[in-house]
């Protein structure tokens, strides 16, 4: 009986811990910020999850609990022009404490293949146009998008 109680208590504690985890799903991709229809303007153009690891420049994470997508882009894999397309100006103009936002001028439909890999169980998932928080460090640019 004592062993049965011990087994039950150990199972219960593992069950409680597994339920408290956040549900985040991540993939690596080549993210392009060449604007709507990839015309070289400002905005998201494409997520390419089929890119080789060496060509990938970002980690895309879906936070199911808050219905967010976080894109963390490696700055070393972006040209100065690409960084300027994201930031709309020279990255060196920003100071550490300056709040920065990414302006999304148009809605962006996340490709269904990407949505499936991120365990988003619906089609035509959109990032709506608007202002989204952006964090810039020496190594990365991180943008947090709310999903529709």
N, C-alpha and C. Protein backbone atom coordinates (compact mmCIF):
# COMPACT_ATOMS: atom_id res chain seq x y z
N UNK A 1 0.81 -1.19 0.00
CA UNK A 1 0.00 0.00 0.00
C UNK A 1 0.86 1.26 0.00
N UNK A 2 1.94 1.21 0.80
CA UNK A 2 2.83 2.36 0.90
C UNK A 2 3.46 2.64 -0.47
N UNK A 3 3.84 1.62 -1.21
CA UNK A 3 4.46 1.79 -2.53
C UNK A 3 3.45 2.33 -3.55
N UNK A 4 2.23 1.89 -3.41
CA UNK A 4 1.17 2.37 -4.30
C UNK A 4 0.92 3.86 -4.08
N UNK A 5 0.92 4.30 -2.85
CA UNK A 5 0.73 5.71 -2.53
C UNK A 5 1.91 6.53 -3.06
N UNK A 6 3.11 6.04 -2.91
CA UNK A 6 4.30 6.73 -3.41
C UNK A 6 4.26 6.85 -4.93
N UNK A 7 3.87 5.79 -5.60
CA UNK A 7 3.74 5.81 -7.05
C UNK A 7 2.68 6.82 -7.48
N UNK A 8 1.57 6.85 -6.82
CA UNK A 8 0.49 7.80 -7.14
C UNK A 8 0.95 9.23 -6.95
N UNK A 9 1.64 9.53 -5.86
CA UNK A 9 2.12 10.89 -5.60
C UNK A 9 3.15 11.33 -6.63
N UNK A 10 4.03 10.44 -7.03
CA UNK A 10 5.04 10.81 -8.04
C UNK A 10 4.37 11.05 -9.40
N UNK A 11 3.38 10.27 -9.74
CA UNK A 11 2.65 10.47 -10.99
C UNK A 11 1.89 11.79 -10.98
N UNK A 12 1.25 12.11 -9.85
CA UNK A 12 0.48 13.34 -9.73
C UNK A 12 1.37 14.57 -9.87
N UNK A 13 2.54 14.57 -9.26
CA UNK A 13 3.43 15.72 -9.37
C UNK A 13 3.93 15.91 -10.79
N UNK A 14 4.21 14.84 -11.50
CA UNK A 14 4.65 14.99 -12.89
C UNK A 14 3.51 15.49 -13.77
N UNK A 15 2.29 15.10 -13.46
CA UNK A 15 1.13 15.57 -14.20
C UNK A 15 0.92 17.07 -13.98
N UNK A 16 1.07 17.53 -12.76
CA UNK A 16 0.91 18.95 -12.45
C UNK A 16 1.97 19.77 -13.16
N UNK A 17 3.23 19.33 -13.16
CA UNK A 17 4.29 20.08 -13.83
C UNK A 17 4.09 20.10 -15.34
N UNK A 18 3.62 19.03 -15.91
CA UNK A 18 3.44 19.00 -17.36
C UNK A 18 2.31 19.93 -17.80
N UNK A 19 1.33 20.16 -16.95
CA UNK A 19 0.24 21.05 -17.30
C UNK A 19 0.61 22.51 -17.18
N UNK A 20 1.65 22.83 -16.40
CA UNK A 20 2.02 24.22 -16.20
C UNK A 20 2.96 24.75 -17.28
N UNK A 21 3.43 23.90 -18.18
CA UNK A 21 4.32 24.34 -19.24
C UNK A 21 3.58 25.21 -20.25
N UNK A 22 4.31 26.18 -20.82
CA UNK A 22 3.72 26.99 -21.89
C UNK A 22 3.83 26.20 -23.17
N UNK A 23 2.87 26.38 -24.01
CA UNK A 23 2.88 25.66 -25.27
C UNK A 23 3.48 26.57 -26.35
N UNK A 24 4.78 26.41 -26.56
CA UNK A 24 5.51 27.15 -27.58
C UNK A 24 6.03 26.16 -28.61
N UNK A 25 5.89 26.51 -29.88
CA UNK A 25 6.38 25.67 -30.97
C UNK A 25 7.27 26.54 -31.84
N UNK A 26 8.44 26.03 -32.22
CA UNK A 26 9.40 26.83 -32.99
C UNK A 26 9.86 26.09 -34.24
N UNK A 27 10.18 26.90 -35.27
CA UNK A 27 10.80 26.38 -36.48
C UNK A 27 11.86 27.39 -36.92
N UNK A 28 12.79 26.93 -37.73
CA UNK A 28 13.73 27.85 -38.36
C UNK A 28 13.26 28.11 -39.78
N UNK A 29 13.52 29.31 -40.27
CA UNK A 29 13.05 29.68 -41.60
C UNK A 29 13.91 30.80 -42.16
N UNK A 30 13.77 31.02 -43.44
CA UNK A 30 14.33 32.20 -44.09
C UNK A 30 13.18 33.19 -44.17
N UNK A 31 13.30 34.30 -43.43
CA UNK A 31 12.26 35.32 -43.39
C UNK A 31 12.69 36.49 -44.26
N UNK A 32 11.81 36.92 -45.14
CA UNK A 32 12.10 38.03 -46.03
C UNK A 32 11.21 39.21 -45.67
N UNK A 33 11.81 40.38 -45.62
CA UNK A 33 11.08 41.61 -45.31
C UNK A 33 11.08 42.55 -46.51
N UNK A 34 10.88 42.00 -47.71
CA UNK A 34 10.87 42.80 -48.94
C UNK A 34 9.51 43.36 -49.27
N UNK A 35 8.62 43.42 -48.32
CA UNK A 35 7.33 44.06 -48.51
C UNK A 35 6.28 43.18 -49.13
N UNK A 36 5.07 43.70 -49.14
CA UNK A 36 3.94 42.99 -49.69
C UNK A 36 4.22 42.61 -51.14
N UNK A 37 3.94 41.41 -51.49
CA UNK A 37 4.18 40.85 -52.82
C UNK A 37 5.66 40.86 -53.17
N UNK A 38 6.52 41.00 -52.16
CA UNK A 38 7.98 40.92 -52.33
C UNK A 38 8.50 41.93 -53.34
N UNK A 39 7.99 43.15 -53.30
CA UNK A 39 8.37 44.19 -54.26
C UNK A 39 9.50 45.08 -53.77
N UNK A 40 10.11 44.75 -52.65
CA UNK A 40 11.21 45.56 -52.16
C UNK A 40 10.77 46.73 -51.31
N UNK A 41 9.53 46.73 -50.86
CA UNK A 41 9.04 47.79 -49.98
C UNK A 41 9.12 47.29 -48.54
N UNK A 42 8.56 48.03 -47.61
CA UNK A 42 8.59 47.66 -46.20
C UNK A 42 7.50 46.64 -45.89
N UNK A 43 7.84 45.62 -45.10
CA UNK A 43 6.84 44.66 -44.64
C UNK A 43 7.28 43.23 -44.85
N UNK A 44 6.54 42.32 -44.25
CA UNK A 44 6.82 40.89 -44.40
C UNK A 44 6.52 40.45 -45.82
N UNK A 45 7.41 39.66 -46.36
CA UNK A 45 7.23 39.15 -47.72
C UNK A 45 6.95 37.64 -47.68
N UNK A 46 7.79 36.91 -46.95
CA UNK A 46 7.70 35.46 -47.02
C UNK A 46 8.41 34.80 -45.85
N UNK A 47 7.92 33.61 -45.47
CA UNK A 47 8.61 32.68 -44.59
C UNK A 47 8.94 31.47 -45.45
N UNK A 48 10.20 31.09 -45.53
CA UNK A 48 10.58 29.91 -46.30
C UNK A 48 11.12 28.86 -45.35
N UNK A 49 10.27 27.89 -45.00
CA UNK A 49 10.68 26.85 -44.07
C UNK A 49 11.48 25.74 -44.75
N UNK A 50 11.56 25.78 -46.08
CA UNK A 50 12.30 24.76 -46.82
C UNK A 50 13.76 25.17 -47.03
N UNK A 51 14.12 26.36 -46.57
CA UNK A 51 15.49 26.82 -46.74
C UNK A 51 16.44 25.93 -45.94
N UNK A 52 17.64 25.77 -46.49
CA UNK A 52 18.64 25.00 -45.77
C UNK A 52 19.00 25.74 -44.48
N UNK A 53 19.46 25.00 -43.48
CA UNK A 53 19.81 25.62 -42.20
C UNK A 53 20.79 26.77 -42.37
N UNK A 54 21.73 26.62 -43.28
CA UNK A 54 22.72 27.67 -43.48
C UNK A 54 22.09 28.94 -44.05
N UNK A 55 20.97 28.80 -44.78
CA UNK A 55 20.29 29.96 -45.37
C UNK A 55 19.23 30.55 -44.43
N UNK A 56 18.84 29.80 -43.41
CA UNK A 56 17.82 30.29 -42.48
C UNK A 56 18.37 31.47 -41.70
N UNK A 57 17.52 32.47 -41.49
CA UNK A 57 17.97 33.65 -40.76
C UNK A 57 17.12 33.93 -39.53
N UNK A 58 16.14 33.07 -39.25
CA UNK A 58 15.25 33.39 -38.14
C UNK A 58 14.68 32.14 -37.48
N UNK A 59 14.25 32.35 -36.25
CA UNK A 59 13.50 31.34 -35.51
C UNK A 59 12.11 31.92 -35.31
N UNK A 60 11.11 31.17 -35.72
CA UNK A 60 9.72 31.61 -35.58
C UNK A 60 9.09 30.75 -34.49
N UNK A 61 8.56 31.41 -33.48
CA UNK A 61 7.97 30.70 -32.34
C UNK A 61 6.51 31.11 -32.20
N UNK A 62 5.67 30.10 -32.04
CA UNK A 62 4.25 30.34 -31.79
C UNK A 62 3.97 30.10 -30.32
N UNK A 63 3.40 31.08 -29.65
CA UNK A 63 2.99 30.97 -28.27
C UNK A 63 1.48 30.80 -28.27
N UNK A 64 1.05 29.57 -28.05
CA UNK A 64 -0.37 29.24 -28.14
C UNK A 64 -1.20 29.93 -27.07
N UNK A 65 -0.65 30.03 -25.87
CA UNK A 65 -1.40 30.62 -24.76
C UNK A 65 -1.79 32.07 -25.04
N UNK A 66 -0.87 32.84 -25.63
CA UNK A 66 -1.13 34.26 -25.89
C UNK A 66 -1.46 34.56 -27.35
N UNK A 67 -1.50 33.52 -28.19
CA UNK A 67 -1.78 33.64 -29.62
C UNK A 67 -0.83 34.66 -30.28
N UNK A 68 0.48 34.43 -30.05
CA UNK A 68 1.52 35.31 -30.57
C UNK A 68 2.49 34.53 -31.45
N UNK A 69 3.08 35.25 -32.38
CA UNK A 69 4.23 34.72 -33.12
C UNK A 69 5.39 35.64 -32.83
N UNK A 70 6.52 35.06 -32.46
CA UNK A 70 7.73 35.82 -32.20
C UNK A 70 8.75 35.41 -33.26
N UNK A 71 9.26 36.41 -33.98
CA UNK A 71 10.28 36.15 -34.99
C UNK A 71 11.59 36.73 -34.47
N UNK A 72 12.56 35.84 -34.28
CA UNK A 72 13.88 36.27 -33.84
C UNK A 72 14.83 36.11 -35.03
N UNK A 73 15.34 37.25 -35.52
CA UNK A 73 16.16 37.26 -36.73
C UNK A 73 17.62 37.48 -36.35
N UNK A 74 18.49 36.67 -36.91
CA UNK A 74 19.92 36.82 -36.67
C UNK A 74 20.45 37.96 -37.53
N UNK A 75 20.97 38.99 -36.88
CA UNK A 75 21.45 40.17 -37.61
C UNK A 75 22.64 39.85 -38.51
N UNK A 76 23.45 38.85 -38.12
CA UNK A 76 24.61 38.52 -38.95
C UNK A 76 24.20 37.92 -40.29
N UNK A 77 22.96 37.46 -40.39
CA UNK A 77 22.48 36.86 -41.63
C UNK A 77 21.64 37.84 -42.45
N UNK A 78 21.67 39.12 -42.07
CA UNK A 78 20.97 40.17 -42.81
C UNK A 78 21.98 41.19 -43.31
N UNK A 79 21.76 41.69 -44.50
CA UNK A 79 22.58 42.79 -44.99
C UNK A 79 22.15 44.07 -44.28
N UNK A 80 22.94 45.11 -44.42
CA UNK A 80 22.58 46.41 -43.85
C UNK A 80 21.27 46.91 -44.45
N UNK A 81 21.08 46.68 -45.77
CA UNK A 81 19.84 47.10 -46.44
C UNK A 81 18.63 46.35 -45.89
N UNK A 82 18.80 45.05 -45.64
CA UNK A 82 17.69 44.26 -45.08
C UNK A 82 17.33 44.75 -43.68
N UNK A 83 18.35 45.07 -42.89
CA UNK A 83 18.09 45.59 -41.55
C UNK A 83 17.35 46.93 -41.64
N UNK A 84 17.74 47.75 -42.59
CA UNK A 84 17.08 49.05 -42.77
C UNK A 84 15.63 48.88 -43.22
N UNK A 85 15.34 47.84 -44.03
CA UNK A 85 13.96 47.58 -44.42
C UNK A 85 13.10 47.23 -43.21
N UNK A 86 13.67 46.50 -42.27
CA UNK A 86 12.92 46.12 -41.07
C UNK A 86 12.76 47.33 -40.15
N UNK A 87 13.84 48.05 -39.92
CA UNK A 87 13.84 49.13 -38.94
C UNK A 87 13.42 50.48 -39.51
N UNK A 88 13.42 50.59 -40.82
CA UNK A 88 13.08 51.82 -41.54
C UNK A 88 14.14 52.91 -41.40
N UNK A 89 15.25 52.57 -40.83
CA UNK A 89 16.39 53.49 -40.77
C UNK A 89 17.62 52.71 -40.34
N UNK A 90 18.74 53.38 -40.25
CA UNK A 90 20.00 52.74 -39.88
C UNK A 90 19.89 52.20 -38.46
N UNK A 91 20.24 50.92 -38.25
CA UNK A 91 20.13 50.33 -36.91
C UNK A 91 20.98 51.04 -35.86
N UNK A 92 22.00 51.72 -36.27
CA UNK A 92 22.88 52.40 -35.32
C UNK A 92 22.23 53.66 -34.73
N UNK A 93 21.10 54.08 -35.25
CA UNK A 93 20.39 55.24 -34.73
C UNK A 93 19.61 54.95 -33.46
N UNK A 94 19.51 53.68 -33.08
CA UNK A 94 18.72 53.30 -31.92
C UNK A 94 19.60 53.20 -30.68
N UNK A 95 19.07 53.68 -29.56
CA UNK A 95 19.75 53.53 -28.29
C UNK A 95 19.09 52.40 -27.53
N UNK A 96 19.74 51.93 -26.48
CA UNK A 96 19.26 50.76 -25.74
C UNK A 96 17.87 50.94 -25.14
N UNK A 97 17.52 52.10 -24.68
CA UNK A 97 16.25 52.30 -23.98
C UNK A 97 15.15 52.88 -24.85
N UNK A 98 15.40 53.02 -26.13
CA UNK A 98 14.39 53.57 -27.02
C UNK A 98 13.35 52.50 -27.36
N UNK A 99 12.05 52.76 -27.09
CA UNK A 99 11.03 51.78 -27.51
C UNK A 99 10.94 51.80 -29.04
N UNK A 100 10.94 50.63 -29.61
CA UNK A 100 10.93 50.50 -31.06
C UNK A 100 9.72 49.66 -31.46
N UNK A 101 9.11 50.03 -32.58
CA UNK A 101 7.96 49.28 -33.08
C UNK A 101 8.16 48.98 -34.55
N UNK A 102 7.65 47.84 -34.95
CA UNK A 102 7.68 47.45 -36.35
C UNK A 102 6.31 47.79 -36.94
N UNK A 103 6.31 48.58 -37.99
CA UNK A 103 5.06 48.96 -38.64
C UNK A 103 4.71 47.92 -39.70
N UNK A 104 3.59 47.27 -39.50
CA UNK A 104 3.08 46.30 -40.45
C UNK A 104 2.00 47.02 -41.24
N UNK A 105 2.30 47.41 -42.48
CA UNK A 105 1.38 48.23 -43.26
C UNK A 105 0.22 47.43 -43.85
N UNK A 106 0.45 46.15 -44.08
CA UNK A 106 -0.59 45.30 -44.67
C UNK A 106 -0.73 44.03 -43.84
N UNK A 107 -1.90 43.40 -43.92
CA UNK A 107 -2.08 42.09 -43.30
C UNK A 107 -1.17 41.09 -44.00
N UNK A 108 -0.74 40.08 -43.25
CA UNK A 108 0.11 39.03 -43.81
C UNK A 108 -0.50 37.69 -43.45
N UNK A 109 -0.77 36.87 -44.46
CA UNK A 109 -1.29 35.52 -44.22
C UNK A 109 -0.10 34.57 -44.10
N UNK A 110 -0.03 33.90 -42.98
CA UNK A 110 1.06 32.95 -42.74
C UNK A 110 0.80 31.72 -43.60
N UNK A 111 1.81 31.29 -44.37
CA UNK A 111 1.61 30.09 -45.20
C UNK A 111 1.11 28.91 -44.36
N UNK A 112 0.16 28.16 -44.90
CA UNK A 112 -0.44 27.05 -44.15
C UNK A 112 0.58 26.01 -43.71
N UNK A 113 1.62 25.78 -44.51
CA UNK A 113 2.67 24.83 -44.12
C UNK A 113 3.38 25.28 -42.85
N UNK A 114 3.64 26.57 -42.75
CA UNK A 114 4.28 27.13 -41.55
C UNK A 114 3.33 27.01 -40.36
N UNK A 115 2.05 27.34 -40.57
CA UNK A 115 1.05 27.24 -39.50
C UNK A 115 0.98 25.82 -38.95
N UNK A 116 1.00 24.84 -39.84
CA UNK A 116 0.93 23.45 -39.42
C UNK A 116 2.15 23.06 -38.60
N UNK A 117 3.34 23.47 -39.07
CA UNK A 117 4.55 23.13 -38.33
C UNK A 117 4.59 23.78 -36.95
N UNK A 118 3.97 24.96 -36.84
CA UNK A 118 3.92 25.66 -35.55
C UNK A 118 2.76 25.18 -34.68
N UNK A 119 2.03 24.17 -35.14
CA UNK A 119 0.91 23.58 -34.41
C UNK A 119 -0.25 24.58 -34.22
N UNK A 120 -0.42 25.47 -35.21
CA UNK A 120 -1.59 26.36 -35.22
C UNK A 120 -2.65 25.60 -36.01
N UNK A 121 -3.68 25.21 -35.36
CA UNK A 121 -4.64 24.29 -35.96
C UNK A 121 -5.79 25.00 -36.67
N UNK A 122 -5.42 25.93 -37.55
CA UNK A 122 -6.41 26.58 -38.40
C UNK A 122 -5.69 27.11 -39.63
N UNK A 123 -6.46 27.42 -40.66
CA UNK A 123 -5.87 27.90 -41.91
C UNK A 123 -6.04 29.41 -42.03
N UNK A 124 -5.26 29.98 -42.96
CA UNK A 124 -5.31 31.41 -43.24
C UNK A 124 -5.13 32.27 -41.98
N UNK A 125 -4.12 31.92 -41.20
CA UNK A 125 -3.78 32.67 -40.00
C UNK A 125 -3.17 33.99 -40.44
N UNK A 126 -3.65 35.08 -39.86
CA UNK A 126 -3.20 36.42 -40.26
C UNK A 126 -2.46 37.14 -39.15
N UNK A 127 -1.46 37.90 -39.59
CA UNK A 127 -0.89 38.95 -38.77
C UNK A 127 -1.52 40.22 -39.31
N UNK A 128 -2.26 40.91 -38.48
CA UNK A 128 -2.96 42.11 -38.93
C UNK A 128 -2.00 43.30 -39.00
N UNK A 129 -2.33 44.23 -39.88
CA UNK A 129 -1.51 45.44 -39.97
C UNK A 129 -1.57 46.18 -38.64
N UNK A 130 -0.50 46.91 -38.33
CA UNK A 130 -0.45 47.64 -37.07
C UNK A 130 0.99 47.80 -36.60
N UNK A 131 1.14 48.25 -35.38
CA UNK A 131 2.45 48.47 -34.76
C UNK A 131 2.73 47.32 -33.81
N UNK A 132 3.92 46.73 -33.93
CA UNK A 132 4.29 45.60 -33.11
C UNK A 132 5.63 45.85 -32.43
N UNK A 133 5.77 45.45 -31.16
CA UNK A 133 7.02 45.70 -30.43
C UNK A 133 8.21 44.98 -31.09
N UNK A 134 9.31 45.70 -31.13
CA UNK A 134 10.54 45.21 -31.75
C UNK A 134 11.66 45.44 -30.75
N UNK A 135 12.50 44.43 -30.59
CA UNK A 135 13.66 44.53 -29.71
C UNK A 135 14.90 44.28 -30.56
N UNK A 136 15.87 45.17 -30.43
CA UNK A 136 17.11 45.01 -31.18
C UNK A 136 18.26 44.86 -30.19
N UNK A 137 19.07 43.82 -30.41
CA UNK A 137 20.29 43.62 -29.63
C UNK A 137 21.45 43.57 -30.61
N UNK A 138 22.61 43.35 -30.08
CA UNK A 138 23.79 43.27 -30.94
C UNK A 138 23.67 42.11 -31.93
N UNK A 139 23.00 41.03 -31.53
CA UNK A 139 22.94 39.82 -32.35
C UNK A 139 21.61 39.57 -33.05
N UNK A 140 20.53 40.11 -32.51
CA UNK A 140 19.20 39.76 -33.05
C UNK A 140 18.28 40.96 -33.16
N UNK A 141 17.27 40.77 -34.00
CA UNK A 141 16.10 41.65 -34.06
C UNK A 141 14.91 40.74 -33.77
N UNK A 142 14.12 41.09 -32.77
CA UNK A 142 12.98 40.26 -32.38
C UNK A 142 11.70 41.09 -32.51
N UNK A 143 10.72 40.53 -33.22
CA UNK A 143 9.43 41.18 -33.39
C UNK A 143 8.35 40.23 -32.88
N UNK A 144 7.43 40.78 -32.08
CA UNK A 144 6.35 40.00 -31.52
C UNK A 144 5.04 40.43 -32.17
N UNK A 145 4.39 39.47 -32.85
CA UNK A 145 3.15 39.74 -33.59
C UNK A 145 1.96 39.07 -32.90
N UNK A 146 0.85 39.78 -32.81
CA UNK A 146 -0.42 39.18 -32.40
C UNK A 146 -1.06 38.55 -33.62
N UNK A 147 -1.71 37.43 -33.43
CA UNK A 147 -2.40 36.77 -34.53
C UNK A 147 -3.88 37.04 -34.46
N UNK A 148 -4.52 37.05 -35.63
CA UNK A 148 -5.97 37.23 -35.70
C UNK A 148 -6.64 35.94 -35.31
